[in-house]
Amino acid sequence: MGRLLSGLAILLCLAWAGVVAHEAWSDWPYLSLDLSQEDAGTQAAFRQAIFNHVATHTALGLIPLIVVAAVLRLLARIRSRPLA
């Protein structure tokens, strides 16, 4: 039963990561055509927007997997201890 729940939790985390990846792909920052693409300030703002976008979606995708892995490891440690 424990292996089934562990596998299910990992599958749900992977599905969550897939949803976040799709959302990241569909919301990727872009430069509007009416902005000057050669302006240094615009380029810096665009690079910062891309960095923030990647960092946010990476955290959103990985944090649930890290939490589930920590909980599963804690449960495995508790189960392996002798009762007395």
Protein backbone atom coordinates (compact mmCIF):
# COMPACT_ATOMS: atom_id res chain seq x y z
CA MET A 1 0.00 0.00 0.00
CA GLY A 2 2.84 2.39 0.84
CA ARG A 3 4.55 1.85 -2.50
CA LEU A 4 1.30 2.50 -4.32
CA LEU A 5 0.80 5.82 -2.51
CA SER A 6 4.43 6.78 -3.08
CA GLY A 7 4.13 6.05 -6.77
CA LEU A 8 0.87 7.96 -6.98
CA ALA A 9 2.40 10.96 -5.19
CA ILE A 10 5.36 10.99 -7.57
CA LEU A 11 3.07 10.71 -10.60
CA LEU A 12 0.99 13.63 -9.32
CA CYS A 13 4.14 15.70 -8.83
CA LEU A 14 5.29 14.92 -12.35
CA ALA A 15 1.87 15.85 -13.71
CA TRP A 16 2.07 19.12 -11.75
CA ALA A 17 5.52 19.80 -13.25
CA GLY A 18 4.06 19.19 -16.71
CA VAL A 19 1.23 21.64 -16.09
CA VAL A 20 3.69 24.25 -14.84
CA ALA A 21 5.93 23.67 -17.89
CA HIS A 22 2.97 24.14 -20.22
CA GLU A 23 1.98 27.32 -18.41
CA ALA A 24 5.56 28.60 -18.60
CA TRP A 25 5.69 27.90 -22.32
CA SER A 26 2.38 29.61 -23.04
CA ASP A 27 3.17 32.69 -20.89
CA TRP A 28 6.72 33.27 -22.12
CA PRO A 29 7.68 36.99 -22.07
CA TYR A 30 7.84 38.78 -25.40
CA LEU A 31 8.71 42.22 -26.73
CA SER A 32 5.90 44.20 -28.24
CA LEU A 33 6.49 45.36 -31.80
CA ASP A 34 6.07 49.01 -30.83
CA LEU A 35 9.10 48.92 -28.49
CA SER A 36 12.64 49.56 -29.64
CA GLN A 37 14.50 46.28 -29.45
CA GLU A 38 17.89 48.00 -29.64
CA ASP A 39 17.41 50.14 -26.52
CA ALA A 40 19.71 48.99 -23.69
CA GLY A 41 17.04 49.61 -21.05
CA THR A 42 14.48 47.57 -22.96
CA GLN A 43 16.95 44.71 -23.41
CA ALA A 44 17.83 44.73 -19.71
CA ALA A 45 14.16 44.73 -18.71
CA PHE A 46 13.44 41.88 -21.13
CA ARG A 47 16.34 39.80 -19.79
CA GLN A 48 15.13 40.42 -16.23
CA ALA A 49 11.58 39.43 -17.21
CA ILE A 50 12.87 36.16 -18.70
CA PHE A 51 14.98 35.45 -15.60
CA ASN A 52 12.03 36.10 -13.27
CA HIS A 53 9.76 33.95 -15.44
CA VAL A 54 12.15 30.99 -15.47
CA ALA A 55 12.92 31.25 -11.75
CA THR A 56 9.25 31.45 -10.78
CA HIS A 57 8.15 28.52 -12.91
CA THR A 58 11.13 26.41 -11.88
CA ALA A 59 10.25 26.92 -8.22
CA LEU A 60 6.57 26.24 -8.86
CA GLY A 61 7.45 23.01 -10.64
CA LEU A 62 10.06 21.67 -8.21
CA ILE A 63 8.84 22.66 -4.74
CA PRO A 64 5.98 20.11 -4.61
CA LEU A 65 8.34 17.33 -5.74
CA ILE A 66 10.90 18.29 -3.09
CA VAL A 67 8.24 18.40 -0.35
CA VAL A 68 6.80 15.01 -1.35
CA ALA A 69 10.28 13.47 -1.50
CA ALA A 70 11.07 14.81 1.99
CA VAL A 71 7.78 13.50 3.41
CA LEU A 72 8.29 10.08 1.81
CA ARG A 73 11.82 9.90 3.18
CA LEU A 74 10.58 10.85 6.66
CA LEU A 75 7.85 8.20 6.52
CA ALA A 76 10.35 5.59 5.37
CA ARG A 77 12.63 6.47 8.25
CA ILE A 78 9.76 6.23 10.75
CA ARG A 79 8.67 2.85 9.37
CA SER A 80 12.18 1.40 9.55
CA ARG A 81 12.63 2.15 13.29
CA PRO A 82 11.97 -0.66 15.76
CA LEU A 83 8.95 -0.08 18.00
CA ALA A 84 10.59 -0.59 21.36
